[in-house]
């Protein structure tokens, strides 16, 4: 049985590249888990709440201004 995790990050080489590389390595070590990363602009992050994103994605790379909302709603679990 295979597991697909969906992730979202910002559309920049510093946001997307490391996540794709990490997902590839994770899949090598855990072939039953695949991580598919999507990217969005910083403006798109500002236009949609972290709450809404957390409902649609398993993994999120977000900037620190969103941490207050995430903590207030219990959205994130530490890895």
C-alpha atoms as a PDB file:
ATOM      1  CA  UNK A   1       0.000   0.000   0.000  1.00  0.00           C
ATOM      2  CA  UNK A   2       1.365   3.392  -1.009  1.00  0.00           C
ATOM      3  CA  UNK A   3       0.860   6.727   0.731  1.00  0.00           C
ATOM      4  CA  UNK A   4       0.786  10.036  -1.111  1.00  0.00           C
ATOM      5  CA  UNK A   5       1.456  13.177   0.903  1.00  0.00           C
ATOM      6  CA  UNK A   6       0.705  16.550  -0.660  1.00  0.00           C
ATOM      7  CA  UNK A   7       2.874  19.555   0.143  1.00  0.00           C
ATOM      8  CA  UNK A   8       2.723  23.263  -0.648  1.00  0.00           C
ATOM      9  CA  UNK A   9       5.614  25.728  -0.682  1.00  0.00           C
ATOM     10  CA  UNK A  10       6.439  29.061  -2.262  1.00  0.00           C
ATOM     11  CA  UNK A  11       7.439  29.396  -5.878  1.00  0.00           C
ATOM     12  CA  UNK A  12      11.137  30.094  -5.458  1.00  0.00           C
ATOM     13  CA  UNK A  13      14.206  27.888  -5.828  1.00  0.00           C
ATOM     14  CA  UNK A  14      14.842  28.194  -2.075  1.00  0.00           C
ATOM     15  CA  UNK A  15      11.309  27.008  -1.329  1.00  0.00           C
ATOM     16  CA  UNK A  16      10.665  24.402  -4.007  1.00  0.00           C
ATOM     17  CA  UNK A  17      14.058  22.870  -4.865  1.00  0.00           C
ATOM     18  CA  UNK A  18      14.970  21.673  -1.368  1.00  0.00           C
ATOM     19  CA  UNK A  19      11.515  20.178  -0.844  1.00  0.00           C
ATOM     20  CA  UNK A  20      11.664  18.198  -4.090  1.00  0.00           C
ATOM     21  CA  UNK A  21      15.164  16.934  -3.277  1.00  0.00           C
ATOM     22  CA  UNK A  22      14.119  15.945   0.234  1.00  0.00           C
ATOM     23  CA  UNK A  23      10.999  14.202  -1.067  1.00  0.00           C
ATOM     24  CA  UNK A  24      13.076  12.199  -3.530  1.00  0.00           C
ATOM     25  CA  UNK A  25      15.464  11.077  -0.800  1.00  0.00           C
ATOM     26  CA  UNK A  26      12.574  10.244   1.546  1.00  0.00           C
ATOM     27  CA  UNK A  27      11.017   8.108  -1.195  1.00  0.00           C
ATOM     28  CA  UNK A  28      14.318   6.257  -1.662  1.00  0.00           C
ATOM     29  CA  UNK A  29      14.355   5.391   2.048  1.00  0.00           C
ATOM     30  CA  UNK A  30      10.579   4.829   2.277  1.00  0.00           C
ATOM     31  CA  UNK A  31       9.363   3.559  -1.119  1.00  0.00           C
ATOM     32  CA  UNK A  32       5.799   3.263   0.172  1.00  0.00           C
ATOM     33  CA  UNK A  33       5.569   7.048   0.715  1.00  0.00           C
ATOM     34  CA  UNK A  34       5.530   9.609  -2.072  1.00  0.00           C
ATOM     35  CA  UNK A  35       5.498  13.376  -1.531  1.00  0.00           C
ATOM     36  CA  UNK A  36       4.113  15.613  -4.262  1.00  0.00           C
ATOM     37  CA  UNK A  37       5.007  19.288  -3.877  1.00  0.00           C
ATOM     38  CA  UNK A  38       3.024  22.159  -5.335  1.00  0.00           C
ATOM     39  CA  UNK A  39       4.156  25.758  -5.342  1.00  0.00           C
ATOM     40  CA  UNK A  40       2.414  29.085  -5.180  1.00  0.00           C
ATOM     41  CA  UNK A  41       3.373  32.728  -5.180  1.00  0.00           C
ATOM     42  CA  UNK A  42       3.802  34.657  -1.955  1.00  0.00           C
ATOM     43  CA  UNK A  43       0.714  36.647  -2.923  1.00  0.00           C
ATOM     44  CA  UNK A  44      -1.282  33.416  -3.260  1.00  0.00           C
ATOM     45  CA  UNK A  45      -0.206  32.506   0.284  1.00  0.00           C
ATOM     46  CA  UNK A  46      -1.439  35.912   1.468  1.00  0.00           C
ATOM     47  CA  UNK A  47      -4.749  35.429  -0.346  1.00  0.00           C
ATOM     48  CA  UNK A  48      -5.619  32.108   1.326  1.00  0.00           C
ATOM     49  CA  UNK A  49      -5.595  31.364   5.037  1.00  0.00           C
ATOM     50  CA  UNK A  50      -3.241  28.833   6.557  1.00  0.00           C
ATOM     51  CA  UNK A  51      -6.350  27.108   7.912  1.00  0.00           C
ATOM     52  CA  UNK A  52      -7.634  26.510   4.372  1.00  0.00           C
ATOM     53  CA  UNK A  53      -4.241  25.308   3.168  1.00  0.00           C
ATOM     54  CA  UNK A  54      -3.886  22.915   6.127  1.00  0.00           C
ATOM     55  CA  UNK A  55      -7.188  21.329   5.169  1.00  0.00           C
ATOM     56  CA  UNK A  56      -5.910  20.586   1.650  1.00  0.00           C
ATOM     57  CA  UNK A  57      -2.230  19.768   2.192  1.00  0.00           C
ATOM     58  CA  UNK A  58      -0.305  17.393   4.445  1.00  0.00           C
ATOM     59  CA  UNK A  59       2.953  19.391   4.461  1.00  0.00           C
ATOM     60  CA  UNK A  60       3.275  23.171   4.382  1.00  0.00           C
ATOM     61  CA  UNK A  61       6.310  25.426   4.090  1.00  0.00           C
ATOM     62  CA  UNK A  62       5.158  28.780   5.422  1.00  0.00           C
ATOM     63  CA  UNK A  63       6.694  32.014   6.599  1.00  0.00           C
ATOM     64  CA  UNK A  64       6.706  32.999  10.268  1.00  0.00           C
ATOM     65  CA  UNK A  65       3.880  35.599  10.048  1.00  0.00           C
ATOM     66  CA  UNK A  66       1.490  32.646   9.665  1.00  0.00           C
ATOM     67  CA  UNK A  67       2.573  30.927  12.863  1.00  0.00           C
ATOM     68  CA  UNK A  68       0.164  32.864  15.080  1.00  0.00           C
ATOM     69  CA  UNK A  69      -2.831  31.659  13.101  1.00  0.00           C
ATOM     70  CA  UNK A  70      -1.452  28.122  12.935  1.00  0.00           C
ATOM     71  CA  UNK A  71      -0.874  27.992  16.700  1.00  0.00           C
ATOM     72  CA  UNK A  72      -4.237  29.554  17.549  1.00  0.00           C
ATOM     73  CA  UNK A  73      -6.057  26.885  15.536  1.00  0.00           C
ATOM     74  CA  UNK A  74      -3.817  23.905  16.347  1.00  0.00           C
ATOM     75  CA  UNK A  75      -3.089  23.394  12.657  1.00  0.00           C
ATOM     76  CA  UNK A  76       0.447  22.001  12.730  1.00  0.00           C
ATOM     77  CA  UNK A  77       2.168  19.027  14.290  1.00  0.00           C
ATOM     78  CA  UNK A  78       5.951  19.026  14.771  1.00  0.00           C
ATOM     79  CA  UNK A  79       7.944  16.606  12.629  1.00  0.00           C
END
